[in-house]
Protein backbone atom coordinates (compact mmCIF):
# COMPACT_ATOMS: atom_id res chain seq x y z
CA MET A 1 127.09 54.77 155.31
CA ILE A 2 123.98 54.93 157.48
CA MET A 3 124.18 58.74 157.48
CA ASP A 4 124.36 58.71 153.67
CA LYS A 5 121.22 56.59 153.53
CA LEU A 6 119.49 58.94 155.97
CA LYS A 7 120.38 61.98 153.89
CA ARG A 8 119.17 60.23 150.75
CA ILE A 9 115.75 59.30 152.12
CA ILE A 10 115.17 62.68 153.74
CA GLY A 11 116.32 64.36 150.56
CA ILE A 12 113.88 62.26 148.55
CA LEU A 13 111.01 63.18 150.85
CA LEU A 14 111.85 66.87 150.67
CA VAL A 15 112.00 66.76 146.88
CA LEU A 16 108.64 65.03 146.85
CA CYS A 17 107.20 67.82 148.98
CA PHE A 18 108.33 70.40 146.44
CA ILE A 19 106.78 68.30 143.66
CA VAL A 20 103.48 68.27 145.53
CA ALA A 21 103.69 72.02 146.09
CA PHE A 22 104.29 72.53 142.35
CA THR A 23 101.55 70.20 141.14
CA SER A 24 99.06 71.73 143.59
CA CYS A 25 99.31 75.00 141.66
CA GLY A 26 97.77 73.58 138.49
CA GLU A 27 94.18 73.33 137.34
CA GLY A 28 91.60 73.47 140.06
CA SER A 29 93.74 75.64 142.33
CA PRO A 30 92.29 78.94 143.62
CA GLN A 31 92.84 81.96 141.39
CA GLU A 32 95.45 84.53 142.36
CA VAL A 33 94.12 87.22 144.69
CA THR A 34 95.42 90.60 145.74
CA PRO A 35 96.90 91.23 149.23
CA ASN A 36 93.72 93.06 150.29
CA GLU A 37 91.56 90.17 149.09
CA THR A 38 93.82 87.72 150.91
CA THR A 39 93.48 89.68 154.16
CA GLN A 40 89.69 89.78 153.80
CA ILE A 41 89.51 86.04 153.10
CA ALA A 42 91.69 85.30 156.13
CA GLU A 43 89.52 87.47 158.39
CA ASN A 44 86.34 85.81 157.13
CA GLU A 45 87.78 82.34 157.67
CA ALA A 46 89.00 83.27 161.15
CA SER A 47 85.45 84.24 162.09
CA GLU A 48 84.04 80.88 160.97
CA GLU A 49 83.71 77.93 163.33
CA ILE A 50 86.86 75.82 163.12
CA THR A 51 86.13 72.11 162.82
CA VAL A 52 88.38 69.09 163.31
CA LEU A 53 89.07 66.80 160.35
CA SER A 54 89.05 62.99 160.22
CA LEU A 55 92.14 61.20 158.92
CA ASN A 56 93.38 57.64 158.60
CA LYS A 57 96.77 56.12 159.37
CA GLU A 58 98.28 53.14 157.58
CA TYR A 59 101.02 50.91 159.00
CA ILE A 60 103.47 49.25 156.58
CA SER A 61 106.19 46.81 157.65
CA HIS A 62 108.79 44.75 155.81
CA TYR A 63 111.16 42.23 157.39
CA GLU A 64 113.86 40.47 155.39
CA TRP A 65 115.95 37.44 156.42
CA TYR A 66 118.74 35.61 154.63
CA GLU A 67 117.33 32.15 154.08
CA ASP A 68 116.81 30.53 157.53
CA HIS A 69 119.29 32.65 159.45
CA PRO A 70 117.72 33.84 162.75
CA GLU A 71 119.03 37.41 162.50
CA MET A 72 117.04 39.80 160.37
CA LEU A 73 118.77 41.48 157.42
CA VAL A 74 116.41 44.46 157.20
CA ARG A 75 113.58 45.83 159.32
CA SER A 76 111.73 48.64 157.53
CA GLU A 77 108.61 50.13 159.13
CA TYR A 78 106.70 53.26 158.21
CA THR A 79 103.29 54.85 158.50
CA ASP A 80 101.20 56.93 156.14
CA ILE A 81 98.42 59.50 156.44
CA THR A 82 95.41 60.13 154.18
CA LEU A 83 92.18 62.09 154.52
CA ASP A 84 89.19 59.99 155.52
CA LYS A 85 86.63 59.39 152.76
CA SER A 86 84.02 61.27 154.79
CA MET A 87 86.09 64.43 154.25
CA GLU A 88 87.10 63.98 150.61
CA LYS A 89 84.04 65.65 149.09
CA LYS A 90 84.39 68.73 151.30
CA TYR A 91 88.16 69.08 150.84
CA PRO A 92 88.95 67.54 147.43
CA LEU A 93 92.20 69.47 146.85
CA LEU A 94 93.62 68.49 150.24
CA ALA A 95 92.57 64.87 149.64
CA GLN A 96 94.36 64.90 146.29
CA THR A 97 97.54 66.39 147.78
CA LEU A 98 97.68 63.93 150.68
CA THR A 99 97.08 61.02 148.32
CA GLU A 100 99.84 62.16 145.93
CA THR A 101 102.23 62.64 148.85
CA SER A 102 101.30 59.19 150.16
CA VAL A 103 102.16 57.54 146.85
CA MET A 104 105.53 59.26 146.68
CA ARG A 105 106.32 58.61 150.34
CA LYS A 106 105.69 54.89 149.86
CA ARG A 107 107.82 54.89 146.71
CA ALA A 108 110.70 56.52 148.59
CA MET A 109 110.49 54.08 151.50
CA GLU A 110 110.29 51.08 149.16
CA GLU A 111 113.38 52.31 147.33
CA GLU A 112 115.25 52.70 150.61
CA LYS A 113 114.19 49.20 151.70
CA ASP A 114 115.34 47.65 148.43
CA ASN A 115 118.72 49.40 148.69
CA PHE A 116 119.06 48.23 152.29
CA ILE A 117 118.39 44.60 151.30
CA VAL A 118 121.13 44.67 148.63
CA THR A 119 123.72 46.27 150.91
CA ALA A 120 122.77 44.23 153.99
CA THR A 121 122.98 40.96 152.06
CA GLU A 122 126.47 41.84 150.83
CA GLU A 123 127.63 42.70 154.36
CA PHE A 124 126.05 39.57 155.83
CA LEU A 125 127.72 37.27 153.29
CA ASN A 126 131.03 39.05 153.86
CA ASP A 127 130.95 38.67 157.68
CA SER A 128 127.81 37.23 159.23
CA GLU A 129 129.17 37.31 162.79
CA ALA A 130 129.82 41.06 162.74
CA PHE A 131 126.58 41.86 160.91
CA SER A 132 123.80 43.90 162.53
CA THR A 133 120.29 44.38 161.16
CA TYR A 134 119.58 47.42 159.00
CA VAL A 135 116.70 49.24 160.73
CA SER A 136 114.78 52.28 159.58
CA THR A 137 111.41 53.68 160.66
CA LEU A 138 109.36 56.60 159.42
CA ASP A 139 106.43 57.58 161.63
CA VAL A 140 104.06 60.11 160.04
CA GLN A 141 102.29 62.07 162.78
CA VAL A 142 99.40 64.53 162.57
CA ARG A 143 100.04 67.65 164.66
CA ARG A 144 97.08 69.72 163.49
CA ALA A 145 94.02 68.78 161.45
CA ASP A 146 91.20 71.29 161.18
CA SER A 147 89.32 73.32 158.58
CA VAL A 148 92.15 75.88 158.47
CA ALA A 149 95.33 73.79 158.28
CA VAL A 150 96.65 70.24 158.34
CA SER A 151 100.20 69.74 159.66
CA ILE A 152 102.16 66.52 159.44
CA LEU A 153 105.45 65.62 161.11
CA GLU A 154 107.64 62.93 159.54
CA ASP A 155 109.81 61.35 162.23
CA TYR A 156 112.60 59.31 160.62
CA ASN A 157 114.87 56.98 162.58
CA SER A 158 117.74 54.80 161.43
CA GLU A 159 120.09 52.75 163.58
CA THR A 160 122.07 55.79 164.77
CA ASP A 161 120.31 58.88 163.41
CA ARG A 162 117.03 60.76 163.66
CA ALA A 163 115.58 63.57 161.56
CA PHE A 164 112.30 65.46 161.30
CA ASN A 165 110.52 66.79 158.23
CA CYS A 166 107.39 68.96 158.40
CA LEU A 167 104.53 69.45 155.94
CA ASN A 168 101.99 72.22 156.53
CA TYR A 169 98.96 72.41 154.25
CA ASP A 170 96.18 74.89 153.68
CA THR A 171 93.07 72.77 154.17
CA LYS A 172 90.95 74.28 151.38
CA SER A 173 93.56 74.63 148.64
CA GLY A 174 95.76 71.67 149.59
CA LYS A 175 98.84 73.83 149.00
CA LEU A 176 101.95 73.72 151.18
CA LEU A 177 102.15 76.72 153.50
CA ALA A 178 105.29 78.84 153.62
CA LEU A 179 106.51 80.20 156.95
CA SER A 180 105.72 83.72 155.71
CA ASP A 181 102.09 82.64 155.11
CA VAL A 182 101.71 82.09 158.86
CA VAL A 183 104.16 84.54 160.48
CA THR A 184 103.68 88.29 160.00
CA ASP A 185 107.34 89.23 160.59
CA ILE A 186 110.01 86.53 160.19
CA VAL A 187 112.71 89.01 161.22
CA LYS A 188 111.45 88.81 164.81
CA LEU A 189 111.77 85.03 165.03
CA PRO A 190 115.53 84.58 165.71
CA SER A 191 115.56 86.47 169.01
CA ILE A 192 112.39 84.70 170.21
CA VAL A 193 113.67 81.25 169.26
CA GLU A 194 117.06 81.98 170.85
CA LYS A 195 115.39 82.89 174.14
CA VAL A 196 113.35 79.66 174.10
CA ILE A 197 116.34 77.42 173.38
CA MET A 198 118.69 79.15 175.83
CA SER A 199 116.13 78.87 178.63
CA ARG A 200 115.98 75.12 178.13
CA ILE A 201 119.68 74.44 177.57
CA GLY A 202 120.47 76.38 180.70
CA GLU A 203 123.77 77.76 179.44
CA GLU A 204 124.77 81.15 178.16
CA GLU A 205 125.47 81.21 174.42
CA PRO A 206 126.90 77.66 174.25
CA PHE A 207 127.40 77.85 170.49
CA GLY A 208 128.41 81.45 169.90
CA GLU A 209 126.46 84.65 170.27
CA THR A 210 125.05 84.65 166.74
CA ALA A 211 124.38 80.95 166.11
CA ILE A 212 120.58 81.17 165.95
CA PRO A 213 120.40 84.56 164.13
CA ASP A 214 122.98 83.24 161.65
CA TYR A 215 120.91 80.11 161.08
CA PHE A 216 117.83 82.12 160.10
CA LYS A 217 119.95 84.53 158.04
CA ASN A 218 121.76 81.82 156.08
CA THR A 219 118.95 79.27 155.69
CA PRO A 220 116.42 79.76 152.86
CA GLU A 221 112.86 80.02 154.15
CA GLU A 222 111.83 76.79 152.41
CA ASP A 223 114.63 74.87 154.17
CA ILE A 224 113.61 75.87 157.71
CA THR A 225 111.92 72.94 159.45
CA TRP A 226 108.77 74.11 161.24
CA ILE A 227 105.30 72.84 161.97
CA LEU A 228 102.04 74.65 162.60
CA GLU A 229 100.49 73.51 165.89
CA TYR A 230 97.20 74.28 167.60
CA ASN A 231 99.02 76.61 169.99
CA GLY A 232 101.76 78.11 167.76
CA ILE A 233 104.62 76.92 165.58
CA THR A 234 107.45 74.57 166.53
CA PHE A 235 110.91 74.67 164.94
CA TYR A 236 113.18 71.62 164.62
CA PHE A 237 116.95 72.08 164.36
CA GLU A 238 119.19 69.13 163.52
CA SER A 239 122.04 68.30 165.87
CA GLY A 240 124.79 70.93 165.66
CA ALA A 241 122.72 73.50 163.75
CA VAL A 242 122.12 76.02 166.57
CA ALA A 243 123.76 74.36 169.58
CA PRO A 244 126.71 72.03 170.19
CA THR A 245 126.26 68.57 168.69
CA ASN A 246 126.18 66.92 172.13
CA PHE A 247 122.93 68.78 172.88
CA GLY A 248 121.23 66.81 170.09
CA ILE A 249 118.19 67.92 168.09
CA GLN A 250 116.79 71.21 169.34
CA THR A 251 113.14 72.30 169.26
CA ALA A 252 111.51 75.64 170.02
CA THR A 253 107.80 76.42 170.18
CA VAL A 254 106.68 80.02 169.60
CA THR A 255 103.12 80.26 170.90
CA PHE A 256 100.11 82.26 169.78
CA ALA A 257 99.35 83.23 173.38
CA GLU A 258 102.77 84.73 174.09
CA HIS A 259 103.21 86.38 170.67
CA PRO A 260 99.72 87.17 169.33
CA ASP A 261 100.89 89.85 166.87
CA LEU A 262 103.44 87.58 165.24
CA PHE A 263 100.83 85.40 163.49
CA TYR A 264 98.08 85.95 160.95
CA LYS A 265 94.75 85.59 162.73
CA LYS A 266 93.54 82.91 160.33
CA TYR A 267 95.94 80.40 161.88
CA THR A 268 95.43 81.36 165.52
CA ALA A 269 91.76 80.37 165.34
CA VAL A 270 91.68 76.76 166.53
CA PRO A 271 89.09 74.28 167.85
CA ASP A 272 88.34 74.25 171.57
CA ALA A 273 89.20 70.55 171.74
CA TYR A 274 91.72 68.49 169.81
CA VAL A 275 94.09 65.52 169.87
CA VAL A 276 97.79 65.65 168.91
CA ARG A 277 100.15 62.73 168.25
CA LEU A 278 103.42 63.12 170.20
CA PRO A 279 106.84 62.02 168.91
CA LEU A 280 108.58 59.66 171.32
CA SER A 281 111.55 61.02 173.27
CA SER A 282 111.13 64.51 171.86
CA PRO A 283 109.64 67.47 173.78
CA PHE A 284 106.13 68.70 173.09
CA PHE A 285 105.27 72.14 174.43
CA THR A 286 101.83 73.17 175.63
CA ASP A 287 100.12 75.04 178.44
CA LEU A 288 99.45 72.38 181.09
CA THR A 289 98.53 74.72 183.95
CA GLY A 290 96.46 77.46 182.30
CA ASP A 291 99.01 80.19 182.96
CA VAL A 292 99.62 80.88 179.21
CA ARG A 293 103.19 79.59 179.57
CA SER A 294 104.27 76.56 177.55
CA GLU A 295 105.70 73.60 179.44
CA GLU A 296 107.66 70.60 178.24
CA LEU A 297 105.97 67.20 178.02
CA ILE A 298 108.00 64.14 177.00
CA VAL A 299 106.90 60.52 176.51
CA SER A 300 109.60 57.92 176.02
CA GLY A 301 110.27 54.20 176.29
CA ASN A 302 113.27 51.88 176.38
CA TYR A 303 113.72 49.11 173.82
CA ASP A 304 114.95 45.61 174.54
CA HIS A 305 118.42 44.85 173.16
CA ASP A 306 116.95 43.52 169.88
CA GLY A 307 114.86 46.65 169.39
CA ARG A 308 111.59 44.71 169.10
CA TYR A 309 109.58 45.84 172.12
CA TYR A 310 109.46 48.50 174.85
CA TYR A 311 110.18 47.41 178.42
CA THR A 312 109.66 50.77 180.17
CA LEU A 313 107.35 53.77 179.76
CA ALA A 314 108.38 57.20 181.02
CA ILE A 315 106.39 60.46 181.06
CA SER A 316 107.72 63.77 182.34
CA SER A 317 106.62 67.38 182.64
CA GLU A 318 108.31 70.31 184.34
CA SER A 319 106.67 69.48 187.66
CA SER A 320 106.04 65.74 187.54
CA SER A 321 107.35 62.41 186.26
CA TYR A 322 106.06 58.87 185.88
CA GLU A 323 107.94 55.69 185.01
CA VAL A 324 106.83 52.05 185.03
CA ASP A 325 107.88 48.66 183.69
CA TRP A 326 106.14 47.99 180.39
CA PHE A 327 105.73 45.50 177.60
CA SER A 328 104.63 46.78 174.22
CA TYR A 329 105.55 46.25 170.60
CA ASP A 330 104.86 49.91 169.96
CA LEU A 331 103.83 53.06 171.84
CA ASN A 332 101.42 55.61 170.38
CA PRO A 333 101.04 58.64 172.70
CA TYR A 334 98.45 61.36 172.07
CA TYR A 335 97.98 64.66 173.89
CA VAL A 336 94.27 65.33 174.45
CA LYS A 337 92.81 68.77 175.18
CA THR A 338 89.10 68.91 176.01
CA ALA A 339 86.70 71.81 175.53
CA ASP A 340 86.60 72.50 179.29
CA GLY A 341 90.39 72.99 179.37
CA ASP A 342 91.47 69.66 180.85
CA SER A 343 94.54 67.85 179.49
CA PHE A 344 95.07 64.11 179.24
CA LEU A 345 97.56 61.73 177.74
CA TYR A 346 96.29 58.73 175.77
CA VAL A 347 98.94 56.02 175.32
CA PHE A 348 97.90 53.23 172.95
CA SER A 349 100.16 50.29 173.78
CA GLU A 350 100.34 47.56 171.13
CA GLU A 351 100.11 44.11 172.68
CA SER A 352 100.20 42.15 169.45
CA GLU A 353 102.14 42.18 166.19
CA ALA A 354 99.09 40.87 164.34
CA GLU A 355 97.61 42.88 161.46
CA ASP A 356 94.81 44.43 163.56
CA ARG A 357 97.42 45.64 166.11
CA GLN A 358 95.38 44.92 169.24
CA MET A 359 96.09 47.60 171.85
CA ILE A 360 95.60 48.59 175.46
CA LEU A 361 94.74 52.23 176.11
CA CYS A 362 96.32 53.81 179.21
CA VAL A 363 94.92 57.20 180.21
CA PHE A 364 96.86 59.76 182.25
CA SER A 365 95.62 63.02 183.75
CA LEU A 366 97.88 66.06 183.19
CA LYS A 367 95.94 68.50 185.34
CA ASN A 368 98.19 71.30 186.62
CA GLY A 369 101.16 69.50 185.09
CA GLU A 370 100.85 66.57 187.50
CA ILE A 371 101.00 63.17 185.80
CA LYS A 372 98.59 60.64 187.28
CA GLN A 373 97.38 57.41 185.72
CA VAL A 374 93.59 57.32 185.54
CA SER A 375 93.01 53.78 184.32
CA GLU A 376 93.45 51.46 181.36
CA THR A 377 91.06 49.68 179.02
CA ASP A 378 91.21 47.07 176.23
CA THR A 379 90.66 49.73 173.61
CA SER A 380 92.44 50.40 170.33
CA LEU A 381 92.14 52.70 167.35
CA LEU A 382 89.29 51.63 165.08
CA TYR A 383 90.62 49.17 162.49
CA ARG A 384 89.42 49.91 158.96
CA GLY A 385 91.13 46.93 157.32
CA ASN A 386 94.34 46.55 155.28
CA ASN A 387 96.51 47.91 158.10
CA VAL A 388 94.55 51.21 158.15
CA PHE A 389 93.21 52.79 161.36
CA ALA A 390 91.05 55.81 162.17
CA LEU A 391 93.15 58.51 163.79
CA PRO A 392 92.01 60.19 167.02
CA THR A 393 91.66 63.91 166.23
CA ASP A 394 88.49 65.05 168.03
CA PRO A 395 87.91 64.33 171.76
CA GLU A 396 84.17 64.51 171.19
CA ASN A 397 84.19 61.98 168.36
CA LEU A 398 86.79 59.26 168.83
CA LEU A 399 86.55 56.19 166.62
CA LEU A 400 87.76 53.34 168.83
CA TYR A 401 87.26 49.62 169.30
CA ASN A 402 86.81 48.06 172.74
CA TYR A 403 87.94 44.43 172.86
CA GLY A 404 86.37 43.91 176.27
CA LYS A 405 82.78 44.67 175.26
CA ASP A 406 80.47 42.82 172.94
CA THR A 407 79.29 45.82 170.92
CA SER A 408 79.55 47.14 167.39
CA ASP A 409 79.38 50.80 168.49
CA SER A 410 82.67 52.57 167.79
CA LEU A 411 81.99 56.23 168.60
CA PHE A 412 83.40 57.57 171.89
CA ARG A 413 84.04 60.86 173.65
CA VAL A 414 86.56 61.81 176.34
CA GLY A 415 84.72 61.84 179.66
CA LYS A 416 85.33 64.09 182.68
CA SER A 417 87.75 61.57 184.16
CA GLY A 418 89.62 61.31 180.88
CA MET A 419 88.40 57.80 180.06
CA PRO A 420 86.60 57.26 176.74
CA GLU A 421 82.82 57.07 177.08
CA GLN A 422 80.70 55.39 174.44
CA LYS A 423 78.37 57.50 172.32
CA LYS A 424 75.43 56.23 170.31
CA LEU A 425 75.81 56.48 166.56
CA LYS A 426 73.14 58.70 165.01
CA ALA A 427 70.63 56.96 162.83
CA ASN A 428 70.75 57.82 159.13
């Protein structure tokens, strides 16, 4: 039953994506261009300075009880992403697309919540002692946000299942990108992805010699789950798709650095500095040591038995690990790359369930793959009101709020140590 609900909500979200793709092709969309014109446009855009975009994130929660019973019937939590108003005038088509997607995403999650309440109430009244709370979360995470592309990962969790959905947009047109818009030769992908997955699984062909090639051969391009990153593209394969079910969800990152001829140059041009939201308990691949080779970075936490707060925090790379007792209602980890090549991990730890979601920021250095805690500060994402927060996307211009200082200034930059340093807002 839970799996059926999962399939329904993911199916709804995928259908909504196709609707957005269709409606984005109407009035106001760029005119059709020839292949030569497309190549010229891409080359011109690749030569331009790539800038980071500002976005906002909204948190929506709904908790349902049956009268005064202490056990919750339904816990539904999800987040949403929209373009910041400061960017709407420059990228009106992207703003429109993200807003339309936001409306449909909320509609889908509200429908799921309403269905959960009906079913959960019936089960509770039938056998309250055997009943367990219906829980679902959808965390919408920005993986790339610049003047070339905006990529969003939807991380859906139910009581027993997890699934990813990816949305990749052209920043100027607001249209969904196809895999063939980014990759020059899709035929080369299966062997590259197979090598990446086999190197991590550590076994020789655990699912048959043609599992991964067969997946790409038999799966329509629009059904392949992939996301455009700052350093390449990452594929997500549901459990059992390309490896035995017991191996769980598989991911594979194909990087620009290792396969430069496999990508159109437009998408390999990225900012020198950026911030990326990391999914919990799922590998993120990036070059931590400067040797051009991608390494695995994982941030995870353990829930209490009621699933209400985290009591441990764990961080691991190929060469280092860190684990500590914790208390947090939510964990929000971000990978930070600075212009001078340093890497840090920003973990915003929610200390309150209040609307403004007061946080503590813990900063970790990832230099040479070694995980070391730098320090912590009473700092959270800048609260814009109505459960909306400014997302960190640019290490040079972070909109944060420091609870420990009596100041109205909210603009920060990542300092040499990794800690946020306050910047003065420019006068109008």
